[in-house]
Amino acid sequence: ASPTPSATVSVTLRVAFSQLDINELSEATFEKMFRLDVITALAAAAAVTVDQVAITFITAGSVNVLSAVTFDSRLSGGDHVLMEANADAFVRTLRLAPAEIFTAEAFKAYGNVTVPFLEKGPSVARAPTPMTSEVDSNVQTLSPTPSTSSAYSPASQAAPTATSLLSLAALIVMSMLRGMLLR
């Protein structure tokens, strides 16, 4: 099978819940359910899977939830334009009507919902990923082809991989955001 080129774009946001007390999150079950509710609401609004939503951290000041939603062109049928359009639509909803995202019954007690920070990152091209096709009962699934060599090669160490660059970029952004929130 031929490699599948892809790209990702991340939307980083901070959601503020005006009537939620940070101390309520000290109860483990409440915190777990709260995180799940936020991730589920963001994923549904962004039309992505819950695996594409991450809560980076939660801070006081009512309750502020810093999150990142990653859009992947592989999950948009390989269509980079559709991926960007989906990310733009999500950003528009966050800017114009964030409360429409958090409509579940649980969120009603948390007061006014605002998005004081919102940033759509640039589209990041990812190296083509070899895919293999497995057919079972007329259902076709794609899975990455595992690497067969783990031996060190100077050529393989010459340039950082797309994954390592993406991880580094994510760490830098998170560090910058923490600094902004702590001011």
N, C-alpha and C. Protein backbone atom coordinates (compact mmCIF):
# COMPACT_ATOMS: atom_id res chain seq x y z
N ALA A 1 0.85 -1.19 0.00
CA ALA A 1 0.00 0.00 0.00
C ALA A 1 0.88 1.23 0.00
N SER A 2 0.38 2.31 -0.55
CA SER A 2 1.16 3.53 -0.64
C SER A 2 1.04 4.34 0.65
N PRO A 3 2.07 5.15 0.93
CA PRO A 3 2.02 5.98 2.14
C PRO A 3 0.87 6.98 2.08
N THR A 4 0.34 7.31 3.24
CA THR A 4 -0.75 8.27 3.35
C THR A 4 -0.20 9.58 3.91
N PRO A 5 -0.09 10.65 3.06
CA PRO A 5 0.37 11.93 3.59
C PRO A 5 -0.73 12.54 4.44
N SER A 6 -0.35 13.28 5.45
CA SER A 6 -1.36 13.89 6.29
C SER A 6 -0.84 15.21 6.86
N ALA A 7 -1.74 15.89 7.50
CA ALA A 7 -1.42 17.13 8.18
C ALA A 7 -2.31 17.22 9.41
N THR A 8 -1.88 18.01 10.37
CA THR A 8 -2.70 18.27 11.54
C THR A 8 -2.72 19.77 11.80
N VAL A 9 -3.75 20.19 12.48
CA VAL A 9 -3.83 21.56 12.96
C VAL A 9 -4.45 21.49 14.35
N SER A 10 -3.89 22.26 15.27
CA SER A 10 -4.39 22.24 16.65
C SER A 10 -5.05 23.56 17.00
N VAL A 11 -6.12 23.45 17.76
CA VAL A 11 -6.78 24.63 18.31
C VAL A 11 -6.59 24.55 19.82
N THR A 12 -5.95 25.56 20.37
CA THR A 12 -5.71 25.62 21.81
C THR A 12 -6.68 26.65 22.39
N LEU A 13 -7.31 26.29 23.49
CA LEU A 13 -8.31 27.18 24.06
C LEU A 13 -8.33 27.08 25.58
N ARG A 14 -8.83 28.15 26.17
CA ARG A 14 -9.07 28.15 27.61
C ARG A 14 -10.54 28.46 27.80
N VAL A 15 -11.23 27.54 28.44
CA VAL A 15 -12.66 27.71 28.73
C VAL A 15 -12.79 28.07 30.20
N ALA A 16 -13.58 29.11 30.49
CA ALA A 16 -13.80 29.53 31.88
C ALA A 16 -15.26 29.26 32.25
N PHE A 17 -15.44 28.63 33.40
CA PHE A 17 -16.77 28.36 33.96
C PHE A 17 -16.91 29.25 35.19
N SER A 18 -17.75 30.28 35.10
CA SER A 18 -17.81 31.34 36.10
C SER A 18 -18.30 30.90 37.48
N GLN A 19 -19.16 29.91 37.56
CA GLN A 19 -19.73 29.53 38.86
C GLN A 19 -19.20 28.21 39.42
N LEU A 20 -18.18 27.66 38.80
CA LEU A 20 -17.61 26.41 39.29
C LEU A 20 -16.44 26.72 40.21
N ASP A 21 -16.46 26.17 41.39
CA ASP A 21 -15.40 26.36 42.37
C ASP A 21 -14.32 25.31 42.15
N ILE A 22 -13.09 25.74 42.09
CA ILE A 22 -11.97 24.83 41.85
C ILE A 22 -11.90 23.73 42.92
N ASN A 23 -12.37 24.03 44.12
CA ASN A 23 -12.33 23.04 45.21
C ASN A 23 -13.23 21.84 44.92
N GLU A 24 -14.25 22.01 44.10
CA GLU A 24 -15.11 20.88 43.75
C GLU A 24 -14.32 19.81 42.99
N LEU A 25 -13.26 20.23 42.31
CA LEU A 25 -12.46 19.28 41.53
C LEU A 25 -11.52 18.46 42.41
N SER A 26 -11.46 18.76 43.70
CA SER A 26 -10.61 17.97 44.59
C SER A 26 -11.21 16.60 44.86
N GLU A 27 -12.49 16.45 44.60
CA GLU A 27 -13.14 15.13 44.74
C GLU A 27 -12.88 14.36 43.45
N ALA A 28 -12.19 13.23 43.53
CA ALA A 28 -11.68 12.50 42.37
C ALA A 28 -12.77 12.12 41.37
N THR A 29 -13.89 11.64 41.84
CA THR A 29 -14.96 11.22 40.92
C THR A 29 -15.52 12.42 40.17
N PHE A 30 -15.71 13.54 40.89
CA PHE A 30 -16.22 14.75 40.25
C PHE A 30 -15.25 15.23 39.18
N GLU A 31 -13.96 15.26 39.54
CA GLU A 31 -12.96 15.73 38.57
C GLU A 31 -12.94 14.84 37.33
N LYS A 32 -12.99 13.54 37.52
CA LYS A 32 -12.97 12.61 36.39
C LYS A 32 -14.18 12.84 35.48
N MET A 33 -15.36 12.99 36.07
CA MET A 33 -16.58 13.22 35.29
C MET A 33 -16.54 14.58 34.60
N PHE A 34 -16.03 15.60 35.30
CA PHE A 34 -15.92 16.93 34.72
C PHE A 34 -15.02 16.90 33.49
N ARG A 35 -13.85 16.28 33.63
CA ARG A 35 -12.91 16.17 32.50
C ARG A 35 -13.57 15.44 31.33
N LEU A 36 -14.24 14.34 31.62
CA LEU A 36 -14.90 13.57 30.58
C LEU A 36 -15.99 14.40 29.89
N ASP A 37 -16.77 15.15 30.67
CA ASP A 37 -17.82 16.00 30.11
C ASP A 37 -17.24 17.08 29.20
N VAL A 38 -16.15 17.71 29.63
CA VAL A 38 -15.52 18.77 28.83
C VAL A 38 -14.96 18.18 27.54
N ILE A 39 -14.23 17.09 27.65
CA ILE A 39 -13.63 16.46 26.47
C ILE A 39 -14.72 16.02 25.49
N THR A 40 -15.78 15.43 26.00
CA THR A 40 -16.87 14.96 25.15
C THR A 40 -17.55 16.14 24.45
N ALA A 41 -17.79 17.22 25.18
CA ALA A 41 -18.44 18.39 24.58
C ALA A 41 -17.56 19.02 23.50
N LEU A 42 -16.27 19.16 23.79
CA LEU A 42 -15.36 19.75 22.80
C LEU A 42 -15.24 18.85 21.56
N ALA A 43 -15.14 17.54 21.77
CA ALA A 43 -15.03 16.62 20.64
C ALA A 43 -16.27 16.67 19.76
N ALA A 44 -17.44 16.71 20.40
CA ALA A 44 -18.69 16.76 19.63
C ALA A 44 -18.78 18.07 18.83
N ALA A 45 -18.40 19.18 19.45
CA ALA A 45 -18.47 20.47 18.77
C ALA A 45 -17.46 20.56 17.62
N ALA A 46 -16.32 19.92 17.80
CA ALA A 46 -15.27 19.96 16.78
C ALA A 46 -15.43 18.86 15.73
N ALA A 47 -16.36 17.94 15.98
CA ALA A 47 -16.56 16.79 15.08
C ALA A 47 -15.29 15.96 14.96
N VAL A 48 -14.66 15.72 16.12
CA VAL A 48 -13.48 14.86 16.19
C VAL A 48 -13.74 13.79 17.25
N THR A 49 -12.82 12.85 17.37
CA THR A 49 -12.96 11.83 18.41
C THR A 49 -12.43 12.37 19.73
N VAL A 50 -12.82 11.76 20.83
CA VAL A 50 -12.34 12.21 22.14
C VAL A 50 -10.83 12.04 22.26
N ASP A 51 -10.25 11.15 21.48
CA ASP A 51 -8.79 10.96 21.49
C ASP A 51 -8.06 12.17 20.94
N GLN A 52 -8.76 13.04 20.23
CA GLN A 52 -8.15 14.22 19.63
C GLN A 52 -8.29 15.45 20.51
N VAL A 53 -8.83 15.28 21.71
CA VAL A 53 -9.00 16.38 22.64
C VAL A 53 -8.19 16.07 23.89
N ALA A 54 -7.41 17.04 24.33
CA ALA A 54 -6.61 16.86 25.54
C ALA A 54 -6.80 18.06 26.45
N ILE A 55 -7.01 17.77 27.72
CA ILE A 55 -7.02 18.84 28.72
C ILE A 55 -5.59 18.95 29.22
N THR A 56 -4.99 20.12 29.01
CA THR A 56 -3.61 20.33 29.40
C THR A 56 -3.50 20.55 30.91
N PHE A 57 -4.32 21.45 31.43
CA PHE A 57 -4.40 21.65 32.87
C PHE A 57 -5.63 22.47 33.21
N ILE A 58 -5.97 22.44 34.50
CA ILE A 58 -7.13 23.17 35.02
C ILE A 58 -6.62 24.08 36.12
N THR A 59 -7.04 25.36 36.08
CA THR A 59 -6.60 26.32 37.08
C THR A 59 -7.79 27.01 37.73
N ALA A 60 -7.51 27.69 38.84
CA ALA A 60 -8.54 28.46 39.54
C ALA A 60 -8.75 29.79 38.84
N GLY A 61 -9.72 30.53 39.32
CA GLY A 61 -10.14 31.79 38.71
C GLY A 61 -11.50 31.47 38.13
N SER A 62 -12.45 31.13 39.00
CA SER A 62 -13.58 30.28 38.72
C SER A 62 -12.91 28.95 38.40
N VAL A 63 -13.16 28.37 37.25
CA VAL A 63 -12.39 27.21 36.80
C VAL A 63 -12.04 27.46 35.34
N ASN A 64 -10.75 27.40 35.05
CA ASN A 64 -10.25 27.57 33.69
C ASN A 64 -9.69 26.25 33.21
N VAL A 65 -10.14 25.82 32.05
CA VAL A 65 -9.70 24.54 31.49
C VAL A 65 -8.94 24.83 30.21
N LEU A 66 -7.62 24.59 30.22
CA LEU A 66 -6.81 24.75 29.03
C LEU A 66 -6.83 23.42 28.28
N SER A 67 -7.22 23.48 27.01
CA SER A 67 -7.38 22.28 26.21
C SER A 67 -6.77 22.48 24.83
N ALA A 68 -6.53 21.37 24.16
CA ALA A 68 -6.09 21.39 22.77
C ALA A 68 -6.92 20.38 22.00
N VAL A 69 -7.40 20.79 20.85
CA VAL A 69 -8.15 19.92 19.95
C VAL A 69 -7.33 19.79 18.68
N THR A 70 -7.01 18.57 18.29
CA THR A 70 -6.20 18.33 17.10
C THR A 70 -7.06 17.79 15.97
N PHE A 71 -7.01 18.47 14.86
CA PHE A 71 -7.70 18.03 13.65
C PHE A 71 -6.66 17.33 12.78
N ASP A 72 -6.99 16.16 12.24
CA ASP A 72 -6.06 15.36 11.45
C ASP A 72 -6.68 15.09 10.09
N SER A 73 -5.95 15.42 9.04
CA SER A 73 -6.49 15.24 7.69
C SER A 73 -6.79 13.77 7.38
N ARG A 74 -6.07 12.85 8.02
CA ARG A 74 -6.36 11.42 7.79
C ARG A 74 -7.78 11.08 8.22
N LEU A 75 -8.30 11.81 9.21
CA LEU A 75 -9.66 11.56 9.67
C LEU A 75 -10.69 12.39 8.90
N SER A 76 -10.20 13.17 7.94
CA SER A 76 -11.07 13.92 7.03
C SER A 76 -10.93 13.36 5.63
N GLY A 77 -10.69 12.07 5.54
CA GLY A 77 -10.53 11.42 4.25
C GLY A 77 -9.29 11.87 3.50
N GLY A 78 -8.28 12.35 4.22
CA GLY A 78 -7.05 12.83 3.59
C GLY A 78 -7.18 14.23 3.00
N ASP A 79 -8.32 14.86 3.22
CA ASP A 79 -8.62 16.17 2.64
C ASP A 79 -8.14 17.28 3.58
N HIS A 80 -7.03 17.92 3.20
CA HIS A 80 -6.45 18.98 4.04
C HIS A 80 -7.38 20.19 4.10
N VAL A 81 -8.05 20.50 3.00
CA VAL A 81 -8.96 21.66 2.96
C VAL A 81 -10.14 21.43 3.90
N LEU A 82 -10.70 20.22 3.89
CA LEU A 82 -11.80 19.89 4.80
C LEU A 82 -11.34 19.95 6.25
N MET A 83 -10.14 19.47 6.53
CA MET A 83 -9.61 19.53 7.90
C MET A 83 -9.54 20.99 8.37
N GLU A 84 -8.99 21.87 7.53
CA GLU A 84 -8.88 23.30 7.88
C GLU A 84 -10.27 23.92 8.06
N ALA A 85 -11.22 23.55 7.19
CA ALA A 85 -12.58 24.09 7.29
C ALA A 85 -13.24 23.65 8.59
N ASN A 86 -13.02 22.39 8.99
CA ASN A 86 -13.58 21.90 10.25
C ASN A 86 -12.98 22.66 11.44
N ALA A 87 -11.67 22.89 11.40
CA ALA A 87 -11.02 23.64 12.49
C ALA A 87 -11.54 25.08 12.53
N ASP A 88 -11.70 25.71 11.36
CA ASP A 88 -12.21 27.08 11.30
C ASP A 88 -13.64 27.17 11.84
N ALA A 89 -14.47 26.19 11.51
CA ALA A 89 -15.86 26.18 12.00
C ALA A 89 -15.89 26.04 13.51
N PHE A 90 -15.02 25.22 14.06
CA PHE A 90 -14.93 25.04 15.51
C PHE A 90 -14.50 26.36 16.17
N VAL A 91 -13.50 27.01 15.62
CA VAL A 91 -13.02 28.29 16.16
C VAL A 91 -14.15 29.33 16.12
N ARG A 92 -14.89 29.37 15.02
CA ARG A 92 -16.01 30.31 14.89
C ARG A 92 -17.04 30.09 15.99
N THR A 93 -17.39 28.83 16.24
CA THR A 93 -18.36 28.52 17.30
C THR A 93 -17.83 28.95 18.66
N LEU A 94 -16.55 28.70 18.91
CA LEU A 94 -15.96 29.09 20.19
C LEU A 94 -15.98 30.61 20.37
N ARG A 95 -15.76 31.34 19.30
CA ARG A 95 -15.74 32.80 19.38
C ARG A 95 -17.14 33.40 19.53
N LEU A 96 -18.09 32.86 18.77
CA LEU A 96 -19.42 33.47 18.71
C LEU A 96 -20.39 32.94 19.76
N ALA A 97 -20.30 31.67 20.09
CA ALA A 97 -21.29 31.07 21.00
C ALA A 97 -20.72 29.90 21.77
N PRO A 98 -19.75 30.13 22.64
CA PRO A 98 -19.14 29.02 23.37
C PRO A 98 -20.14 28.25 24.24
N ALA A 99 -21.16 28.94 24.74
CA ALA A 99 -22.14 28.27 25.59
C ALA A 99 -22.89 27.18 24.83
N GLU A 100 -22.99 27.30 23.51
CA GLU A 100 -23.68 26.28 22.70
C GLU A 100 -22.94 24.95 22.70
N ILE A 101 -21.67 24.98 23.03
CA ILE A 101 -20.87 23.75 23.08
C ILE A 101 -21.16 23.00 24.37
N PHE A 102 -21.37 23.73 25.44
CA PHE A 102 -21.52 23.13 26.76
C PHE A 102 -22.98 23.14 27.18
N THR A 103 -23.80 22.38 26.49
CA THR A 103 -25.24 22.37 26.73
C THR A 103 -25.72 21.20 27.59
N ALA A 104 -24.84 20.26 27.90
CA ALA A 104 -25.25 19.12 28.73
C ALA A 104 -25.73 19.62 30.08
N GLU A 105 -26.62 18.87 30.68
CA GLU A 105 -27.22 19.24 31.97
C GLU A 105 -26.17 19.57 33.02
N ALA A 106 -25.08 18.82 33.05
CA ALA A 106 -24.03 19.02 34.06
C ALA A 106 -23.44 20.43 34.00
N PHE A 107 -23.36 21.03 32.82
CA PHE A 107 -22.74 22.35 32.67
C PHE A 107 -23.63 23.49 33.14
N LYS A 108 -24.91 23.26 33.27
CA LYS A 108 -25.83 24.34 33.65
C LYS A 108 -25.50 24.94 35.02
N ALA A 109 -24.99 24.13 35.92
CA ALA A 109 -24.67 24.61 37.26
C ALA A 109 -23.34 25.38 37.31
N TYR A 110 -22.58 25.39 36.21
CA TYR A 110 -21.25 26.00 36.22
C TYR A 110 -21.24 27.45 35.79
N GLY A 111 -22.42 28.04 35.58
CA GLY A 111 -22.51 29.46 35.26
C GLY A 111 -22.15 29.80 33.83
N ASN A 112 -21.81 31.05 33.64
CA ASN A 112 -21.47 31.58 32.32
C ASN A 112 -20.21 30.89 31.78
N VAL A 113 -20.24 30.53 30.51
CA VAL A 113 -19.10 29.89 29.86
C VAL A 113 -18.50 30.89 28.89
N THR A 114 -17.21 31.15 29.05
CA THR A 114 -16.49 32.04 28.13
C THR A 114 -15.22 31.34 27.65
N VAL A 115 -14.68 31.86 26.56
CA VAL A 115 -13.41 31.35 26.03
C VAL A 115 -12.46 32.55 25.96
N PRO A 116 -11.75 32.85 27.07
CA PRO A 116 -10.88 34.02 27.10
C PRO A 116 -9.59 33.86 26.28
N PHE A 117 -9.24 32.65 25.92
CA PHE A 117 -8.06 32.42 25.09
C PHE A 117 -8.39 31.40 24.02
N LEU A 118 -8.02 31.71 22.78
CA LEU A 118 -8.30 30.83 21.65
C LEU A 118 -7.25 31.07 20.59
N GLU A 119 -6.63 29.99 20.14
CA GLU A 119 -5.61 30.11 19.10
C GLU A 119 -5.63 28.90 18.20
N LYS A 120 -5.71 29.16 16.91
CA LYS A 120 -5.61 28.08 15.92
C LYS A 120 -4.20 28.10 15.39
N GLY A 121 -3.51 27.00 15.56
CA GLY A 121 -2.13 26.90 15.09
C GLY A 121 -2.07 26.68 13.59
N PRO A 122 -0.86 26.72 13.04
CA PRO A 122 -0.71 26.48 11.61
C PRO A 122 -0.87 24.99 11.30
N SER A 123 -1.18 24.72 10.06
CA SER A 123 -1.26 23.34 9.60
C SER A 123 0.15 22.77 9.58
N VAL A 124 0.32 21.60 10.16
CA VAL A 124 1.63 20.95 10.25
C VAL A 124 1.60 19.70 9.39
N ALA A 125 2.44 19.69 8.34
CA ALA A 125 2.51 18.52 7.48
C ALA A 125 3.20 17.38 8.24
N ARG A 126 2.66 16.20 8.05
CA ARG A 126 3.25 15.02 8.68
C ARG A 126 3.82 14.13 7.60
N ALA A 127 4.90 13.46 7.93
CA ALA A 127 5.52 12.54 6.98
C ALA A 127 4.51 11.46 6.60
N PRO A 128 4.56 11.01 5.36
CA PRO A 128 3.65 9.93 4.97
C PRO A 128 3.81 8.72 5.87
N THR A 129 2.69 8.13 6.24
CA THR A 129 2.69 6.95 7.09
C THR A 129 2.30 5.75 6.25
N PRO A 130 3.21 4.77 6.11
CA PRO A 130 2.81 3.58 5.36
C PRO A 130 1.61 2.93 6.04
N MET A 131 0.64 2.56 5.26
CA MET A 131 -0.57 1.94 5.81
C MET A 131 -0.72 0.55 5.21
N THR A 132 -1.23 -0.36 6.01
CA THR A 132 -1.56 -1.67 5.51
C THR A 132 -3.06 -1.83 5.59
N SER A 133 -3.60 -2.62 4.74
CA SER A 133 -5.04 -2.81 4.70
C SER A 133 -5.36 -4.22 5.18
N GLU A 134 -6.30 -4.30 6.10
CA GLU A 134 -6.75 -5.59 6.61
C GLU A 134 -8.24 -5.68 6.36
N VAL A 135 -8.67 -6.74 5.70
CA VAL A 135 -10.08 -6.90 5.41
C VAL A 135 -10.63 -8.05 6.24
N ASP A 136 -11.70 -7.79 6.98
CA ASP A 136 -12.33 -8.81 7.81
C ASP A 136 -13.84 -8.60 7.75
N SER A 137 -14.55 -9.59 7.27
CA SER A 137 -16.01 -9.54 7.19
C SER A 137 -16.52 -8.29 6.46
N ASN A 138 -15.90 -8.00 5.33
CA ASN A 138 -16.29 -6.85 4.50
C ASN A 138 -16.07 -5.50 5.17
N VAL A 139 -15.28 -5.45 6.24
CA VAL A 139 -14.94 -4.20 6.91
C VAL A 139 -13.46 -3.97 6.69
N GLN A 140 -13.12 -2.82 6.09
CA GLN A 140 -11.72 -2.53 5.82
C GLN A 140 -11.22 -1.55 6.87
N THR A 141 -10.11 -1.90 7.52
CA THR A 141 -9.50 -0.99 8.48
C THR A 141 -8.07 -0.75 8.05
N LEU A 142 -7.55 0.41 8.40
CA LEU A 142 -6.17 0.75 8.07
C LEU A 142 -5.39 0.84 9.35
N SER A 143 -4.18 0.31 9.31
CA SER A 143 -3.30 0.41 10.47
C SER A 143 -1.89 0.69 9.99
N PRO A 144 -1.10 1.45 10.77
CA PRO A 144 0.27 1.76 10.35
C PRO A 144 1.09 0.48 10.23
N THR A 145 1.98 0.47 9.25
CA THR A 145 2.89 -0.65 9.08
C THR A 145 3.99 -0.52 10.12
N PRO A 146 4.22 -1.55 10.95
CA PRO A 146 5.26 -1.42 11.96
C PRO A 146 6.64 -1.37 11.34
N SER A 147 7.53 -0.66 11.99
CA SER A 147 8.91 -0.58 11.54
C SER A 147 9.59 -1.91 11.80
N THR A 148 10.39 -2.35 10.84
CA THR A 148 11.05 -3.65 11.01
C THR A 148 12.48 -3.49 11.50
N SER A 149 12.99 -2.26 11.55
CA SER A 149 14.37 -2.07 11.97
C SER A 149 14.43 -1.06 13.10
N SER A 150 15.09 -1.44 14.17
CA SER A 150 15.28 -0.49 15.26
C SER A 150 16.77 -0.17 15.43
N ALA A 151 17.59 -0.59 14.46
CA ALA A 151 19.02 -0.37 14.54
C ALA A 151 19.34 1.11 14.36
N TYR A 152 20.39 1.57 15.05
CA TYR A 152 20.82 2.95 14.93
C TYR A 152 21.44 3.17 13.56
N SER A 153 21.10 4.29 12.97
CA SER A 153 21.68 4.69 11.69
C SER A 153 21.92 6.18 11.74
N PRO A 154 23.16 6.63 11.45
CA PRO A 154 23.42 8.07 11.49
C PRO A 154 22.48 8.85 10.57
N ALA A 155 22.12 8.29 9.45
CA ALA A 155 21.21 8.99 8.53
C ALA A 155 19.85 9.22 9.17
N SER A 156 19.40 8.26 9.98
CA SER A 156 18.09 8.41 10.61
C SER A 156 18.12 9.45 11.73
N GLN A 157 19.29 9.79 12.19
CA GLN A 157 19.43 10.78 13.27
C GLN A 157 19.76 12.16 12.72
N ALA A 158 19.87 12.30 11.40
CA ALA A 158 20.29 13.56 10.80
C ALA A 158 19.27 14.68 10.98
N ALA A 159 17.99 14.37 10.98
CA ALA A 159 16.97 15.41 11.09
C ALA A 159 15.89 14.93 12.04
N PRO A 160 15.29 15.85 12.77
CA PRO A 160 14.21 15.44 13.67
C PRO A 160 13.01 14.96 12.86
N THR A 161 12.26 14.07 13.44
CA THR A 161 11.07 13.57 12.78
C THR A 161 9.93 14.57 12.96
N ALA A 162 8.90 14.43 12.13
CA ALA A 162 7.73 15.30 12.25
C ALA A 162 7.09 15.15 13.62
N THR A 163 7.07 13.92 14.13
CA THR A 163 6.48 13.67 15.44
C THR A 163 7.26 14.38 16.54
N SER A 164 8.61 14.31 16.49
CA SER A 164 9.39 14.96 17.53
C SER A 164 9.26 16.48 17.45
N LEU A 165 9.17 17.03 16.22
CA LEU A 165 8.98 18.47 16.08
C LEU A 165 7.61 18.89 16.59
N LEU A 166 6.59 18.09 16.32
CA LEU A 166 5.25 18.39 16.80
C LEU A 166 5.22 18.34 18.33
N SER A 167 5.88 17.35 18.92
CA SER A 167 5.93 17.24 20.38
C SER A 167 6.65 18.44 20.98
N LEU A 168 7.76 18.83 20.37
CA LEU A 168 8.51 19.99 20.85
C LEU A 168 7.66 21.25 20.75
N ALA A 169 6.97 21.42 19.63
CA ALA A 169 6.11 22.60 19.46
C ALA A 169 5.00 22.62 20.50
N ALA A 170 4.41 21.46 20.78
CA ALA A 170 3.35 21.38 21.78
C ALA A 170 3.88 21.77 23.16
N LEU A 171 5.09 21.31 23.51
CA LEU A 171 5.68 21.65 24.80
C LEU A 171 5.95 23.15 24.90
N ILE A 172 6.43 23.74 23.81
CA ILE A 172 6.71 25.18 23.82
C ILE A 172 5.42 25.96 24.00
N VAL A 173 4.37 25.59 23.25
CA VAL A 173 3.08 26.29 23.36
C VAL A 173 2.52 26.15 24.77
N MET A 174 2.56 24.94 25.32
CA MET A 174 2.04 24.74 26.68
C MET A 174 2.82 25.57 27.69
N SER A 175 4.13 25.65 27.53
CA SER A 175 4.95 26.43 28.44
C SER A 175 4.60 27.92 28.34
N MET A 176 4.42 28.40 27.11
CA MET A 176 4.04 29.81 26.91
C MET A 176 2.68 30.09 27.52
N LEU A 177 1.73 29.18 27.33
CA LEU A 177 0.39 29.38 27.87
C LEU A 177 0.40 29.38 29.39
N ARG A 178 1.17 28.49 29.98
CA ARG A 178 1.26 28.48 31.44
C ARG A 178 1.76 29.82 31.94
N GLY A 179 2.79 30.36 31.27
CA GLY A 179 3.33 31.66 31.65
C GLY A 179 2.29 32.76 31.54
N MET A 180 1.46 32.72 30.48
CA MET A 180 0.43 33.73 30.29
C MET A 180 -0.64 33.62 31.37
N LEU A 181 -1.01 32.41 31.74
CA LEU A 181 -2.07 32.21 32.72
C LEU A 181 -1.61 32.55 34.14
N LEU A 182 -0.32 32.41 34.41
CA LEU A 182 0.19 32.65 35.75
C LEU A 182 0.50 34.13 36.01
N ARG A 183 0.38 34.96 35.00
CA ARG A 183 0.67 36.40 35.19
C ARG A 183 -0.41 37.07 35.97
